[in-house]
PDB file of N, CA and C in Angstrom:
ATOM      1  N   UNK A   1       6.784  14.504  -8.305  1.00  0.00           N
ATOM      2  CA  UNK A   1       6.005  13.297  -8.541  1.00  0.00           C
ATOM      3  C   UNK A   1       6.920  12.076  -8.452  1.00  0.00           C
ATOM      4  N   UNK A   2       6.333  11.013  -7.938  1.00  0.00           N
ATOM      5  CA  UNK A   2       7.054   9.747  -7.838  1.00  0.00           C
ATOM      6  C   UNK A   2       6.291   8.683  -8.615  1.00  0.00           C
ATOM      7  N   UNK A   3       7.014   7.753  -9.207  1.00  0.00           N
ATOM      8  CA  UNK A   3       6.392   6.610  -9.864  1.00  0.00           C
ATOM      9  C   UNK A   3       6.236   5.501  -8.838  1.00  0.00           C
ATOM     10  N   UNK A   4       4.997   5.088  -8.625  1.00  0.00           N
ATOM     11  CA  UNK A   4       4.708   3.985  -7.716  1.00  0.00           C
ATOM     12  C   UNK A   4       4.158   2.840  -8.562  1.00  0.00           C
ATOM     13  N   UNK A   5       4.861   1.715  -8.522  1.00  0.00           N
ATOM     14  CA  UNK A   5       4.446   0.540  -9.282  1.00  0.00           C
ATOM     15  C   UNK A   5       3.749  -0.430  -8.346  1.00  0.00           C
ATOM     16  N   UNK A   6       2.528  -0.787  -8.721  1.00  0.00           N
ATOM     17  CA  UNK A   6       1.734  -1.740  -7.952  1.00  0.00           C
ATOM     18  C   UNK A   6       1.884  -3.112  -8.582  1.00  0.00           C
ATOM     19  N   UNK A   7       2.281  -4.087  -7.778  1.00  0.00           N
ATOM     20  CA  UNK A   7       2.359  -5.474  -8.217  1.00  0.00           C
ATOM     21  C   UNK A   7       1.022  -6.111  -7.857  1.00  0.00           C
ATOM     22  N   UNK A   8       0.184  -6.267  -8.873  1.00  0.00           N
ATOM     23  CA  UNK A   8      -1.159  -6.808  -8.710  1.00  0.00           C
ATOM     24  C   UNK A   8      -1.132  -8.320  -8.926  1.00  0.00           C
ATOM     25  N   UNK A   9      -2.252  -8.976  -8.651  1.00  0.00           N
ATOM     26  CA  UNK A   9      -2.345 -10.422  -8.856  1.00  0.00           C
ATOM     27  C   UNK A   9      -2.095 -10.787 -10.320  1.00  0.00           C
ATOM     28  N   UNK A  10      -2.448  -9.880 -11.255  1.00  0.00           N
ATOM     29  CA  UNK A  10      -2.376 -10.204 -12.677  1.00  0.00           C
ATOM     30  C   UNK A  10      -1.436  -9.295 -13.473  1.00  0.00           C
ATOM     31  N   UNK A  11      -0.457  -8.702 -12.824  1.00  0.00           N
ATOM     32  CA  UNK A  11       0.492  -7.854 -13.535  1.00  0.00           C
ATOM     33  C   UNK A  11       0.917  -6.661 -12.709  1.00  0.00           C
ATOM     34  N   UNK A  12       1.422  -5.638 -13.385  1.00  0.00           N
ATOM     35  CA  UNK A  12       1.859  -4.431 -12.691  1.00  0.00           C
ATOM     36  C   UNK A  12       1.213  -3.209 -13.324  1.00  0.00           C
ATOM     37  N   UNK A  13       1.129  -2.162 -12.534  1.00  0.00           N
ATOM     38  CA  UNK A  13       0.597  -0.879 -12.996  1.00  0.00           C
ATOM     39  C   UNK A  13       1.390   0.215 -12.301  1.00  0.00           C
ATOM     40  N   UNK A  14       1.883   1.192 -13.062  1.00  0.00           N
ATOM     41  CA  UNK A  14       2.651   2.295 -12.494  1.00  0.00           C
ATOM     42  C   UNK A  14       1.815   3.563 -12.530  1.00  0.00           C
ATOM     43  N   UNK A  15       1.807   4.273 -11.398  1.00  0.00           N
ATOM     44  CA  UNK A  15       1.002   5.481 -11.230  1.00  0.00           C
ATOM     45  C   UNK A  15       1.913   6.601 -10.731  1.00  0.00           C
ATOM     46  N   UNK A  16       1.746   7.807 -11.267  1.00  0.00           N
ATOM     47  CA  UNK A  16       2.460   8.983 -10.758  1.00  0.00           C
ATOM     48  C   UNK A  16       1.730   9.481  -9.517  1.00  0.00           C
ATOM     49  N   UNK A  17       2.480   9.660  -8.428  1.00  0.00           N
ATOM     50  CA  UNK A  17       1.892  10.071  -7.153  1.00  0.00           C
ATOM     51  C   UNK A  17       2.649  11.292  -6.645  1.00  0.00           C
ATOM     52  N   UNK A  18       1.926  12.332  -6.306  1.00  0.00           N
ATOM     53  CA  UNK A  18       2.540  13.535  -5.761  1.00  0.00           C
ATOM     54  C   UNK A  18       3.034  13.316  -4.344  1.00  0.00           C
ATOM     55  N   UNK A  19       4.007  14.101  -3.890  1.00  0.00           N
ATOM     56  CA  UNK A  19       4.574  13.921  -2.555  1.00  0.00           C
ATOM     57  C   UNK A  19       3.589  14.206  -1.428  1.00  0.00           C
ATOM     58  N   UNK A  20       2.506  14.923  -1.708  1.00  0.00           N
ATOM     59  CA  UNK A  20       1.497  15.222  -0.691  1.00  0.00           C
ATOM     60  C   UNK A  20       0.171  14.525  -0.992  1.00  0.00           C
ATOM     61  N   UNK A  21       0.242  13.437  -1.751  1.00  0.00           N
ATOM     62  CA  UNK A  21      -0.957  12.685  -2.130  1.00  0.00           C
ATOM     63  C   UNK A  21      -0.861  11.281  -1.540  1.00  0.00           C
ATOM     64  N   UNK A  22      -1.953  10.825  -0.941  1.00  0.00           N
ATOM     65  CA  UNK A  22      -1.964   9.454  -0.445  1.00  0.00           C
ATOM     66  C   UNK A  22      -1.853   8.484  -1.622  1.00  0.00           C
ATOM     67  N   UNK A  23      -1.122   7.419  -1.421  1.00  0.00           N
ATOM     68  CA  UNK A  23      -0.913   6.433  -2.470  1.00  0.00           C
ATOM     69  C   UNK A  23      -2.248   5.837  -2.923  1.00  0.00           C
ATOM     70  N   UNK A  24      -3.146   5.539  -1.996  1.00  0.00           N
ATOM     71  CA  UNK A  24      -4.448   4.977  -2.359  1.00  0.00           C
ATOM     72  C   UNK A  24      -5.245   5.936  -3.229  1.00  0.00           C
ATOM     73  N   UNK A  25      -5.240   7.216  -2.890  1.00  0.00           N
ATOM     74  CA  UNK A  25      -5.973   8.208  -3.686  1.00  0.00           C
ATOM     75  C   UNK A  25      -5.451   8.261  -5.117  1.00  0.00           C
ATOM     76  N   UNK A  26      -4.139   8.221  -5.277  1.00  0.00           N
ATOM     77  CA  UNK A  26      -3.546   8.259  -6.616  1.00  0.00           C
ATOM     78  C   UNK A  26      -3.900   6.999  -7.403  1.00  0.00           C
ATOM     79  N   UNK A  27      -3.889   5.863  -6.733  1.00  0.00           N
ATOM     80  CA  UNK A  27      -4.250   4.612  -7.402  1.00  0.00           C
ATOM     81  C   UNK A  27      -5.693   4.665  -7.896  1.00  0.00           C
ATOM     82  N   UNK A  28      -6.584   5.175  -7.070  1.00  0.00           N
ATOM     83  CA  UNK A  28      -7.989   5.290  -7.474  1.00  0.00           C
ATOM     84  C   UNK A  28      -8.147   6.283  -8.622  1.00  0.00           C
ATOM     85  N   UNK A  29      -7.424   7.374  -8.553  1.00  0.00           N
ATOM     86  CA  UNK A  29      -7.467   8.370  -9.630  1.00  0.00           C
ATOM     87  C   UNK A  29      -7.057   7.745 -10.960  1.00  0.00           C
ATOM     88  N   UNK A  30      -6.125   6.791 -10.903  1.00  0.00           N
ATOM     89  CA  UNK A  30      -5.635   6.119 -12.105  1.00  0.00           C
ATOM     90  C   UNK A  30      -6.531   4.952 -12.533  1.00  0.00           C
ATOM     91  N   UNK A  31      -7.605   4.717 -11.793  1.00  0.00           N
ATOM     92  CA  UNK A  31      -8.541   3.668 -12.168  1.00  0.00           C
ATOM     93  C   UNK A  31      -8.295   2.312 -11.544  1.00  0.00           C
ATOM     94  N   UNK A  32      -7.341   2.214 -10.625  1.00  0.00           N
ATOM     95  CA  UNK A  32      -7.098   0.943  -9.942  1.00  0.00           C
ATOM     96  C   UNK A  32      -8.125   0.760  -8.830  1.00  0.00           C
ATOM     97  N   UNK A  33      -8.607  -0.451  -8.691  1.00  0.00           N
ATOM     98  CA  UNK A  33      -9.546  -0.773  -7.622  1.00  0.00           C
ATOM     99  C   UNK A  33      -8.813  -1.610  -6.586  1.00  0.00           C
ATOM    100  N   UNK A  34      -8.308  -0.950  -5.558  1.00  0.00           N
ATOM    101  CA  UNK A  34      -7.573  -1.627  -4.499  1.00  0.00           C
ATOM    102  C   UNK A  34      -8.460  -1.753  -3.267  1.00  0.00           C
ATOM    103  N   UNK A  35      -8.255  -2.803  -2.469  1.00  0.00           N
ATOM    104  CA  UNK A  35      -9.060  -2.960  -1.258  1.00  0.00           C
ATOM    105  C   UNK A  35      -8.839  -1.798  -0.291  1.00  0.00           C
ATOM    106  N   UNK A  36      -9.911  -1.364   0.341  1.00  0.00           N
ATOM    107  CA  UNK A  36      -9.829  -0.333   1.382  1.00  0.00           C
ATOM    108  C   UNK A  36     -11.157  -0.284   2.127  1.00  0.00           C
ATOM    109  N   UNK A  37     -11.161   0.357   3.276  1.00  0.00           N
ATOM    110  CA  UNK A  37     -12.396   0.483   4.040  1.00  0.00           C
ATOM    111  C   UNK A  37     -12.429   1.802   4.796  1.00  0.00           C
ATOM    112  N   UNK A  38     -11.706   1.894   5.908  1.00  0.00           N
ATOM    113  CA  UNK A  38     -11.861   3.036   6.822  1.00  0.00           C
ATOM    114  C   UNK A  38     -11.208   4.324   6.330  1.00  0.00           C
ATOM    115  N   UNK A  39     -10.173   4.212   5.519  1.00  0.00           N
ATOM    116  CA  UNK A  39      -9.418   5.349   4.979  1.00  0.00           C
ATOM    117  C   UNK A  39      -8.741   6.208   6.056  1.00  0.00           C
ATOM    118  N   UNK A  40      -8.533   5.663   7.242  1.00  0.00           N
ATOM    119  CA  UNK A  40      -7.831   6.437   8.268  1.00  0.00           C
ATOM    120  C   UNK A  40      -6.730   5.644   8.967  1.00  0.00           C
ATOM    121  N   UNK A  41      -6.307   4.526   8.377  1.00  0.00           N
ATOM    122  CA  UNK A  41      -5.156   3.804   8.901  1.00  0.00           C
ATOM    123  C   UNK A  41      -5.419   2.864  10.049  1.00  0.00           C
ATOM    124  N   UNK A  42      -6.665   2.458  10.247  1.00  0.00           N
ATOM    125  CA  UNK A  42      -6.986   1.586  11.372  1.00  0.00           C
ATOM    126  C   UNK A  42      -7.299   0.141  10.972  1.00  0.00           C
ATOM    127  N   UNK A  43      -7.982  -0.061   9.850  1.00  0.00           N
ATOM    128  CA  UNK A  43      -8.540  -1.383   9.553  1.00  0.00           C
ATOM    129  C   UNK A  43      -7.567  -2.327   8.844  1.00  0.00           C
ATOM    130  N   UNK A  44      -6.547  -1.836   8.230  1.00  0.00           N
ATOM    131  CA  UNK A  44      -5.526  -2.557   7.455  1.00  0.00           C
ATOM    132  C   UNK A  44      -6.043  -3.158   6.144  1.00  0.00           C
ATOM    133  N   UNK A  45      -7.259  -2.822   5.732  1.00  0.00           N
ATOM    134  CA  UNK A  45      -7.786  -3.340   4.461  1.00  0.00           C
ATOM    135  C   UNK A  45      -6.950  -2.903   3.268  1.00  0.00           C
ATOM    136  N   UNK A  46      -6.323  -1.749   3.365  1.00  0.00           N
ATOM    137  CA  UNK A  46      -5.554  -1.189   2.245  1.00  0.00           C
ATOM    138  C   UNK A  46      -4.072  -1.540   2.322  1.00  0.00           C
ATOM    139  N   UNK A  47      -3.710  -2.488   3.156  1.00  0.00           N
ATOM    140  CA  UNK A  47      -2.290  -2.807   3.349  1.00  0.00           C
ATOM    141  C   UNK A  47      -1.642  -3.302   2.063  1.00  0.00           C
ATOM    142  N   UNK A  48      -0.400  -2.899   1.890  1.00  0.00           N
ATOM    143  CA  UNK A  48       0.443  -3.387   0.816  1.00  0.00           C
ATOM    144  C   UNK A  48       1.799  -3.739   1.394  1.00  0.00           C
ATOM    145  N   UNK A  49       2.601  -4.420   0.607  1.00  0.00           N
ATOM    146  CA  UNK A  49       3.958  -4.763   1.030  1.00  0.00           C
ATOM    147  C   UNK A  49       4.937  -3.954   0.195  1.00  0.00           C
ATOM    148  N   UNK A  50       5.701  -3.100   0.857  1.00  0.00           N
ATOM    149  CA  UNK A  50       6.682  -2.265   0.171  1.00  0.00           C
ATOM    150  C   UNK A  50       7.862  -3.134  -0.248  1.00  0.00           C
ATOM    151  N   UNK A  51       8.044  -3.268  -1.552  1.00  0.00           N
ATOM    152  CA  UNK A  51       9.127  -4.090  -2.092  1.00  0.00           C
ATOM    153  C   UNK A  51      10.390  -3.280  -2.325  1.00  0.00           C
ATOM    154  N   UNK A  52      10.190  -2.007  -2.670  1.00  0.00           N
ATOM    155  CA  UNK A  52      11.316  -1.128  -2.986  1.00  0.00           C
ATOM    156  C   UNK A  52      10.851   0.311  -2.842  1.00  0.00           C
ATOM    157  N   UNK A  53      11.752   1.190  -2.424  1.00  0.00           N
ATOM    158  CA  UNK A  53      11.428   2.606  -2.314  1.00  0.00           C
ATOM    159  C   UNK A  53      11.165   3.029  -0.887  1.00  0.00           C
ATOM    160  N   UNK A  54      10.405   4.119  -0.757  1.00  0.00           N
ATOM    161  CA  UNK A  54      10.143   4.677   0.573  1.00  0.00           C
ATOM    162  C   UNK A  54       8.778   5.356   0.599  1.00  0.00           C
ATOM    163  N   UNK A  55       8.009   5.029   1.644  1.00  0.00           N
ATOM    164  CA  UNK A  55       6.727   5.676   1.894  1.00  0.00           C
ATOM    165  C   UNK A  55       6.734   6.233   3.301  1.00  0.00           C
ATOM    166  N   UNK A  56       6.035   7.341   3.492  1.00  0.00           N
ATOM    167  CA  UNK A  56       5.855   7.933   4.815  1.00  0.00           C
ATOM    168  C   UNK A  56       4.430   7.623   5.249  1.00  0.00           C
ATOM    169  N   UNK A  57       4.294   6.701   6.200  1.00  0.00           N
ATOM    170  CA  UNK A  57       2.976   6.298   6.671  1.00  0.00           C
ATOM    171  C   UNK A  57       2.762   6.567   8.138  1.00  0.00           C
ATOM    172  N   UNK A  58       3.316   7.661   8.630  1.00  0.00           N
ATOM    173  CA  UNK A  58       3.228   7.970  10.064  1.00  0.00           C
ATOM    174  C   UNK A  58       1.808   8.142  10.571  1.00  0.00           C
ATOM    175  N   UNK A  59       0.876   8.486   9.682  1.00  0.00           N
ATOM    176  CA  UNK A  59      -0.486   8.761  10.131  1.00  0.00           C
ATOM    177  C   UNK A  59      -1.267   7.495  10.464  1.00  0.00           C
ATOM    178  N   UNK A  60      -0.858   6.356   9.942  1.00  0.00           N
ATOM    179  CA  UNK A  60      -1.578   5.110  10.182  1.00  0.00           C
ATOM    180  C   UNK A  60      -1.159   4.453  11.481  1.00  0.00           C
ATOM    181  N   UNK A  61      -2.120   3.862  12.183  1.00  0.00           N
ATOM    182  CA  UNK A  61      -1.814   3.206  13.453  1.00  0.00           C
ATOM    183  C   UNK A  61      -2.256   1.752  13.476  1.00  0.00           C
ATOM    184  N   UNK A  62      -2.770   1.225  12.352  1.00  0.00           N
ATOM    185  CA  UNK A  62      -3.325  -0.121  12.330  1.00  0.00           C
ATOM    186  C   UNK A  62      -2.311  -1.242  12.269  1.00  0.00           C
ATOM    187  N   UNK A  63      -1.070  -0.946  11.935  1.00  0.00           N
ATOM    188  CA  UNK A  63      -0.040  -1.979  11.838  1.00  0.00           C
ATOM    189  C   UNK A  63       0.783  -2.042  13.113  1.00  0.00           C
ATOM    190  N   UNK A  64       1.217  -3.237  13.450  1.00  0.00           N
ATOM    191  CA  UNK A  64       2.124  -3.395  14.581  1.00  0.00           C
ATOM    192  C   UNK A  64       3.532  -2.993  14.138  1.00  0.00           C
ATOM    193  N   UNK A  65       4.412  -2.686  15.076  1.00  0.00           N
ATOM    194  CA  UNK A  65       5.801  -2.396  14.700  1.00  0.00           C
ATOM    195  C   UNK A  65       6.447  -3.557  13.930  1.00  0.00           C
ATOM    196  N   UNK A  66       6.085  -4.786  14.278  1.00  0.00           N
ATOM    197  CA  UNK A  66       6.633  -5.948  13.581  1.00  0.00           C
ATOM    198  C   UNK A  66       6.166  -5.983  12.127  1.00  0.00           C
ATOM    199  N   UNK A  67       4.893  -5.667  11.899  1.00  0.00           N
ATOM    200  CA  UNK A  67       4.372  -5.638  10.529  1.00  0.00           C
ATOM    201  C   UNK A  67       5.053  -4.540   9.718  1.00  0.00           C
ATOM    202  N   UNK A  68       5.275  -3.398  10.335  1.00  0.00           N
ATOM    203  CA  UNK A  68       5.991  -2.320   9.652  1.00  0.00           C
ATOM    204  C   UNK A  68       7.415  -2.753   9.321  1.00  0.00           C
ATOM    205  N   UNK A  69       8.077  -3.425  10.271  1.00  0.00           N
ATOM    206  CA  UNK A  69       9.436  -3.917  10.028  1.00  0.00           C
ATOM    207  C   UNK A  69       9.469  -4.932   8.886  1.00  0.00           C
ATOM    208  N   UNK A  70       8.378  -5.676   8.712  1.00  0.00           N
ATOM    209  CA  UNK A  70       8.283  -6.659   7.632  1.00  0.00           C
ATOM    210  C   UNK A  70       7.958  -6.013   6.286  1.00  0.00           C
ATOM    211  N   UNK A  71       7.764  -4.681   6.279  1.00  0.00           N
ATOM    212  CA  UNK A  71       7.560  -3.968   5.024  1.00  0.00           C
ATOM    213  C   UNK A  71       6.124  -3.654   4.670  1.00  0.00           C
ATOM    214  N   UNK A  72       5.191  -3.916   5.580  1.00  0.00           N
ATOM    215  CA  UNK A  72       3.791  -3.606   5.288  1.00  0.00           C
ATOM    216  C   UNK A  72       3.529  -2.116   5.479  1.00  0.00           C
ATOM    217  N   UNK A  73       2.671  -1.582   4.616  1.00  0.00           N
ATOM    218  CA  UNK A  73       2.310  -0.160   4.646  1.00  0.00           C
ATOM    219  C   UNK A  73       0.803  -0.042   4.445  1.00  0.00           C
ATOM    220  N   UNK A  74       0.228   1.048   4.942  1.00  0.00           N
ATOM    221  CA  UNK A  74      -1.191   1.330   4.748  1.00  0.00           C
ATOM    222  C   UNK A  74      -1.310   2.397   3.670  1.00  0.00           C
ATOM    223  N   UNK A  75      -1.848   2.022   2.536  1.00  0.00           N
ATOM    224  CA  UNK A  75      -1.867   2.903   1.371  1.00  0.00           C
ATOM    225  C   UNK A  75      -2.783   4.103   1.548  1.00  0.00           C
ATOM    226  N   UNK A  76      -3.777   4.009   2.437  1.00  0.00           N
ATOM    227  CA  UNK A  76      -4.720   5.118   2.616  1.00  0.00           C
ATOM    228  C   UNK A  76      -4.092   6.303   3.334  1.00  0.00           C
ATOM    229  N   UNK A  77      -2.987   6.080   3.997  1.00  0.00           N
ATOM    230  CA  UNK A  77      -2.378   7.168   4.769  1.00  0.00           C
ATOM    231  C   UNK A  77      -0.858   7.194   4.599  1.00  0.00           C
ATOM    232  N   UNK A  78      -0.399   6.794   3.414  1.00  0.00           N
ATOM    233  CA  UNK A  78       1.038   6.815   3.119  1.00  0.00           C
ATOM    234  C   UNK A  78       1.327   7.721   1.933  1.00  0.00           C
ATOM    235  N   UNK A  79       2.373   8.516   2.089  1.00  0.00           N
ATOM    236  CA  UNK A  79       2.850   9.410   1.038  1.00  0.00           C
ATOM    237  C   UNK A  79       4.143   8.844   0.467  1.00  0.00           C
ATOM    238  N   UNK A  80       4.361   8.962  -0.842  1.00  0.00           N
ATOM    239  CA  UNK A  80       5.628   8.497  -1.401  1.00  0.00           C
ATOM    240  C   UNK A  80       6.760   9.466  -1.069  1.00  0.00           C
ATOM    241  N   UNK A  81       7.936   8.909  -0.848  1.00  0.00           N
ATOM    242  CA  UNK A  81       9.137   9.712  -0.630  1.00  0.00           C
ATOM    243  C   UNK A  81      10.232   9.346  -1.613  1.00  0.00           C
ATOM    244  N   UNK A  82       9.910   8.397  -2.508  1.00  0.00           N
ATOM    245  CA  UNK A  82      10.819   7.957  -3.574  1.00  0.00           C
ATOM    246  C   UNK A  82       9.996   7.109  -4.535  1.00  0.00           C
ATOM    247  N   UNK A  83      10.520   6.864  -5.737  1.00  0.00           N
ATOM    248  CA  UNK A  83       9.880   5.888  -6.610  1.00  0.00           C
ATOM    249  C   UNK A  83       9.802   4.579  -5.834  1.00  0.00           C
ATOM    250  N   UNK A  84       8.666   3.904  -5.911  1.00  0.00           N
ATOM    251  CA  UNK A  84       8.446   2.737  -5.055  1.00  0.00           C
ATOM    252  C   UNK A  84       7.729   1.624  -5.797  1.00  0.00           C
ATOM    253  N   UNK A  85       7.851   0.423  -5.244  1.00  0.00           N
ATOM    254  CA  UNK A  85       7.125  -0.741  -5.733  1.00  0.00           C
ATOM    255  C   UNK A  85       6.406  -1.371  -4.555  1.00  0.00           C
ATOM    256  N   UNK A  86       5.112  -1.682  -4.764  1.00  0.00           N
ATOM    257  CA  UNK A  86       4.265  -2.176  -3.685  1.00  0.00           C
ATOM    258  C   UNK A  86       3.479  -3.379  -4.181  1.00  0.00           C
ATOM    259  N   UNK A  87       3.523  -4.455  -3.432  1.00  0.00           N
ATOM    260  CA  UNK A  87       2.702  -5.633  -3.733  1.00  0.00           C
ATOM    261  C   UNK A  87       1.354  -5.441  -3.053  1.00  0.00           C
ATOM    262  N   UNK A  88       0.277  -5.646  -3.798  1.00  0.00           N
ATOM    263  CA  UNK A  88      -1.076  -5.455  -3.267  1.00  0.00           C
ATOM    264  C   UNK A  88      -1.947  -6.645  -3.651  1.00  0.00           C
ATOM    265  N   UNK A  89      -3.065  -6.784  -2.954  1.00  0.00           N
ATOM    266  CA  UNK A  89      -4.032  -7.820  -3.301  1.00  0.00           C
ATOM    267  C   UNK A  89      -4.284  -8.790  -2.174  1.00  0.00           C
ATOM    268  N   UNK A  90      -5.039  -9.819  -2.501  1.00  0.00           N
ATOM    269  CA  UNK A  90      -5.485 -10.793  -1.510  1.00  0.00           C
ATOM    270  C   UNK A  90      -4.326 -11.510  -0.832  1.00  0.00           C
ATOM    271  N   UNK A  91      -3.285 -11.813  -1.576  1.00  0.00           N
ATOM    272  CA  UNK A  91      -2.141 -12.514  -0.969  1.00  0.00           C
ATOM    273  C   UNK A  91      -1.466 -11.665   0.105  1.00  0.00           C
ATOM    274  N   UNK A  92      -1.401 -10.362  -0.108  1.00  0.00           N
ATOM    275  CA  UNK A  92      -0.818  -9.477   0.906  1.00  0.00           C
ATOM    276  C   UNK A  92      -1.667  -9.529   2.169  1.00  0.00           C
ATOM    277  N   UNK A  93      -2.978  -9.455   2.003  1.00  0.00           N
ATOM    278  CA  UNK A  93      -3.874  -9.526   3.159  1.00  0.00           C
ATOM    279  C   UNK A  93      -3.704 -10.847   3.898  1.00  0.00           C
ATOM    280  N   UNK A  94      -3.642 -11.949   3.157  1.00  0.00           N
ATOM    281  CA  UNK A  94      -3.464 -13.254   3.787  1.00  0.00           C
ATOM    282  C   UNK A  94      -2.135 -13.345   4.518  1.00  0.00           C
ATOM    283  N   UNK A  95      -1.073 -12.841   3.902  1.00  0.00           N
ATOM    284  CA  UNK A  95       0.239 -12.853   4.554  1.00  0.00           C
ATOM    285  C   UNK A  95       0.225 -12.004   5.815  1.00  0.00           C
ATOM    286  N   UNK A  96      -0.389 -10.828   5.730  1.00  0.00           N
ATOM    287  CA  UNK A  96      -0.451  -9.917   6.873  1.00  0.00           C
ATOM    288  C   UNK A  96      -1.181 -10.564   8.043  1.00  0.00           C
ATOM    289  N   UNK A  97      -2.257 -11.281   7.741  1.00  0.00           N
ATOM    290  CA  UNK A  97      -3.073 -11.907   8.780  1.00  0.00           C
ATOM    291  C   UNK A  97      -2.589 -13.302   9.152  1.00  0.00           C
ATOM    292  N   UNK A  98      -1.552 -13.780   8.467  1.00  0.00           N
ATOM    293  CA  UNK A  98      -1.017 -15.103   8.766  1.00  0.00           C
ATOM    294  C   UNK A  98      -1.875 -16.231   8.228  1.00  0.00           C
ATOM    295  N   UNK A  99      -2.635 -15.970   7.168  1.00  0.00           N
ATOM    296  CA  UNK A  99      -3.492 -16.985   6.562  1.00  0.00           C
ATOM    297  C   UNK A  99      -2.824 -17.551   5.324  1.00  0.00           C
ATOM    298  N   UNK A 100      -3.114 -18.792   5.017  1.00  0.00           N
ATOM    299  CA  UNK A 100      -2.616 -19.392   3.779  1.00  0.00           C
ATOM    300  C   UNK A 100      -3.536 -18.991   2.646  1.00  0.00           C
ATOM    301  N   UNK A 101      -2.960 -18.592   1.524  1.00  0.00           N
ATOM    302  CA  UNK A 101      -3.759 -18.252   0.341  1.00  0.00           C
ATOM    303  C   UNK A 101      -4.130 -19.540  -0.388  1.00  0.00           C
ATOM    304  N   UNK A 102      -5.383 -19.654  -0.741  1.00  0.00           N
ATOM    305  CA  UNK A 102      -5.859 -20.854  -1.442  1.00  0.00           C
ATOM    306  C   UNK A 102      -6.074 -20.555  -2.888  1.00  0.00           C
TER     307      UNK A 102
END
C-alpha cells in the first residue's frame, strides 16, 4: 500500500492505495469526490498534477507528452508506485487547459 495525499482546494486528504488499484478508485472508496468522466484515460477530466512520488499511468492516452512532462497524470488509469502527492481540482483543470482561474 502507498499513501497518496491529495491537495484539494480546501486542504489535504491522504488515502491508502494498493499497487494494483487506480488512484481514482481509491479516492472514491475513501469518500473523496474528484472530477471524472470517461474512466478510460481519454477525457482528462480526472487529471491531477503529481507534486511528489511516482504513478504508473501508461494506460491513459488523453495527455500530450508535454503535459506528462509537466507532471500531469490521469487518476482514472494511474497506479501508485511510491507514496505520492497530487494536486487536484478546478485549478489543475484550468492550468491543464491553459485557462486562468477566476
